Amino acid sequence: MPKVGLSDLEKRRRTVLACIASKKALNGWDDKKLAVKARISVPTLCRRMDTPEDFSLKELWGMGITIYLYDGQSQLPTDDGLVMLKGGT
């Protein structure tokens, strides 16, 4: 059976979750501290982690995560802080 690639939505979910996990690890935060930063409850944080597309920008900003918007799409920066734009030079 051939391998099936990840859907675009799944790639985006994993990108957001990886960014959140990185913030947690770098700052030594647990879920409770992360929820406080996002100004949501711990159960709400757990639900959002199951469906990361439900995070609001305000919640992500509260966690210190920067999202770059262009052409109606969001793009998280790479490890070196750069954002690759499609169609740009």
C-alpha atoms as a PDB file:
ATOM      1  CA  MET A   1       0.000   0.000   0.000  1.00  0.00           C
ATOM      2  CA  PRO A   2       1.505   3.403  -0.976  1.00  0.00           C
ATOM      3  CA  LYS A   3       2.276   5.998   1.661  1.00  0.00           C
ATOM      4  CA  VAL A   4      -0.171   8.856   1.841  1.00  0.00           C
ATOM      5  CA  GLY A   5       1.216  12.310   2.556  1.00  0.00           C
ATOM      6  CA  LEU A   6      -0.095  14.553   5.287  1.00  0.00           C
ATOM      7  CA  SER A   7      -2.968  16.843   4.421  1.00  0.00           C
ATOM      8  CA  ASP A   8      -2.341  20.583   4.378  1.00  0.00           C
ATOM      9  CA  LEU A   9      -4.486  20.961   7.506  1.00  0.00           C
ATOM     10  CA  GLU A  10      -2.502  18.289   9.358  1.00  0.00           C
ATOM     11  CA  LYS A  11       0.789  19.984   8.402  1.00  0.00           C
ATOM     12  CA  ARG A  12      -0.510  23.290   9.746  1.00  0.00           C
ATOM     13  CA  ARG A  13      -1.724  21.647  12.951  1.00  0.00           C
ATOM     14  CA  ARG A  14       1.674  20.046  13.516  1.00  0.00           C
ATOM     15  CA  THR A  15       3.449  23.341  12.841  1.00  0.00           C
ATOM     16  CA  VAL A  16       1.373  25.184  15.453  1.00  0.00           C
ATOM     17  CA  LEU A  17       1.763  22.364  17.997  1.00  0.00           C
ATOM     18  CA  ALA A  18       5.533  22.280  17.423  1.00  0.00           C
ATOM     19  CA  CYS A  19       5.753  26.034  17.964  1.00  0.00           C
ATOM     20  CA  ILE A  20       3.774  25.756  21.219  1.00  0.00           C
ATOM     21  CA  ALA A  21       5.887  22.802  22.404  1.00  0.00           C
ATOM     22  CA  SER A  22       9.035  24.792  21.650  1.00  0.00           C
ATOM     23  CA  LYS A  23       7.804  27.755  23.728  1.00  0.00           C
ATOM     24  CA  LYS A  24       6.946  25.399  26.599  1.00  0.00           C
ATOM     25  CA  ALA A  25      10.363  23.731  26.507  1.00  0.00           C
ATOM     26  CA  LEU A  26      12.393  26.935  26.126  1.00  0.00           C
ATOM     27  CA  ASN A  27      10.582  28.675  28.994  1.00  0.00           C
ATOM     28  CA  GLY A  28      10.113  25.659  31.250  1.00  0.00           C
ATOM     29  CA  TRP A  29       6.328  26.114  31.273  1.00  0.00           C
ATOM     30  CA  ASP A  30       3.796  23.429  32.124  1.00  0.00           C
ATOM     31  CA  ASP A  31       0.226  23.355  30.787  1.00  0.00           C
ATOM     32  CA  LYS A  32      -1.043  25.462  33.700  1.00  0.00           C
ATOM     33  CA  LYS A  33       1.484  28.252  33.037  1.00  0.00           C
ATOM     34  CA  LEU A  34       0.785  28.114  29.300  1.00  0.00           C
ATOM     35  CA  ALA A  35      -2.965  28.401  29.950  1.00  0.00           C
ATOM     36  CA  VAL A  36      -2.375  31.423  32.183  1.00  0.00           C
ATOM     37  CA  LYS A  37      -0.298  33.070  29.448  1.00  0.00           C
ATOM     38  CA  ALA A  38      -3.060  32.422  26.890  1.00  0.00           C
ATOM     39  CA  ARG A  39      -5.703  33.558  29.414  1.00  0.00           C
ATOM     40  CA  ILE A  40      -7.687  30.345  29.083  1.00  0.00           C
ATOM     41  CA  SER A  41      -8.391  27.422  31.406  1.00  0.00           C
ATOM     42  CA  VAL A  42      -6.301  24.237  31.351  1.00  0.00           C
ATOM     43  CA  PRO A  43      -9.230  22.144  29.978  1.00  0.00           C
ATOM     44  CA  THR A  44      -9.695  24.710  27.195  1.00  0.00           C
ATOM     45  CA  LEU A  45      -5.963  24.533  26.429  1.00  0.00           C
ATOM     46  CA  CYS A  46      -6.209  20.742  26.148  1.00  0.00           C
ATOM     47  CA  ARG A  47      -9.165  21.046  23.752  1.00  0.00           C
ATOM     48  CA  ARG A  48      -7.290  23.629  21.667  1.00  0.00           C
ATOM     49  CA  MET A  49      -4.265  21.320  21.491  1.00  0.00           C
ATOM     50  CA  ASP A  50      -6.531  18.639  19.981  1.00  0.00           C
ATOM     51  CA  THR A  51      -7.673  21.115  17.311  1.00  0.00           C
ATOM     52  CA  PRO A  52      -4.996  23.850  17.168  1.00  0.00           C
ATOM     53  CA  GLU A  53      -6.836  25.726  14.416  1.00  0.00           C
ATOM     54  CA  ASP A  54      -9.287  26.805  17.162  1.00  0.00           C
ATOM     55  CA  PHE A  55      -6.636  28.910  18.938  1.00  0.00           C
ATOM     56  CA  SER A  56      -7.369  32.623  18.564  1.00  0.00           C
ATOM     57  CA  LEU A  57      -4.607  35.044  17.645  1.00  0.00           C
ATOM     58  CA  LYS A  58      -5.027  36.644  21.065  1.00  0.00           C
ATOM     59  CA  GLU A  59      -4.347  33.285  22.746  1.00  0.00           C
ATOM     60  CA  LEU A  60      -1.287  32.618  20.582  1.00  0.00           C
ATOM     61  CA  TRP A  61       0.050  36.123  21.168  1.00  0.00           C
ATOM     62  CA  GLY A  62      -0.451  35.615  24.909  1.00  0.00           C
ATOM     63  CA  MET A  63       1.827  32.576  24.674  1.00  0.00           C
ATOM     64  CA  GLY A  64       4.401  34.707  22.873  1.00  0.00           C
ATOM     65  CA  ILE A  65       3.867  33.059  19.492  1.00  0.00           C
ATOM     66  CA  THR A  66       4.075  35.348  16.468  1.00  0.00           C
ATOM     67  CA  ILE A  67       1.970  34.556  13.422  1.00  0.00           C
ATOM     68  CA  TYR A  68       2.676  36.199  10.087  1.00  0.00           C
ATOM     69  CA  LEU A  69      -0.309  36.745   7.794  1.00  0.00           C
ATOM     70  CA  TYR A  70      -0.210  37.134   4.038  1.00  0.00           C
ATOM     71  CA  ASP A  71      -2.780  36.508   1.310  1.00  0.00           C
ATOM     72  CA  GLY A  72      -5.252  35.247   3.901  1.00  0.00           C
ATOM     73  CA  GLN A  73      -2.911  32.450   5.020  1.00  0.00           C
ATOM     74  CA  SER A  74      -0.899  32.201   8.217  1.00  0.00           C
ATOM     75  CA  GLN A  75       2.761  31.239   8.208  1.00  0.00           C
ATOM     76  CA  LEU A  76       4.895  30.541  11.253  1.00  0.00           C
ATOM     77  CA  PRO A  77       8.550  31.602  11.129  1.00  0.00           C
ATOM     78  CA  THR A  78      11.291  29.010  10.636  1.00  0.00           C
ATOM     79  CA  ASP A  79      13.822  28.228  13.376  1.00  0.00           C
ATOM     80  CA  ASP A  80      15.979  31.159  12.257  1.00  0.00           C
ATOM     81  CA  GLY A  81      13.017  33.568  12.364  1.00  0.00           C
ATOM     82  CA  LEU A  82      12.445  33.820   8.622  1.00  0.00           C
ATOM     83  CA  VAL A  83       9.094  33.555   6.890  1.00  0.00           C
ATOM     84  CA  MET A  84       9.013  32.102   3.383  1.00  0.00           C
ATOM     85  CA  LEU A  85       6.374  33.733   1.196  1.00  0.00           C
ATOM     86  CA  LYS A  86       4.980  31.910  -1.827  1.00  0.00           C
ATOM     87  CA  GLY A  87       5.523  33.679  -5.124  1.00  0.00           C
ATOM     88  CA  GLY A  88       8.008  36.119  -3.571  1.00  0.00           C
ATOM     89  CA  THR A  89      11.619  36.607  -4.543  1.00  0.00           C
END
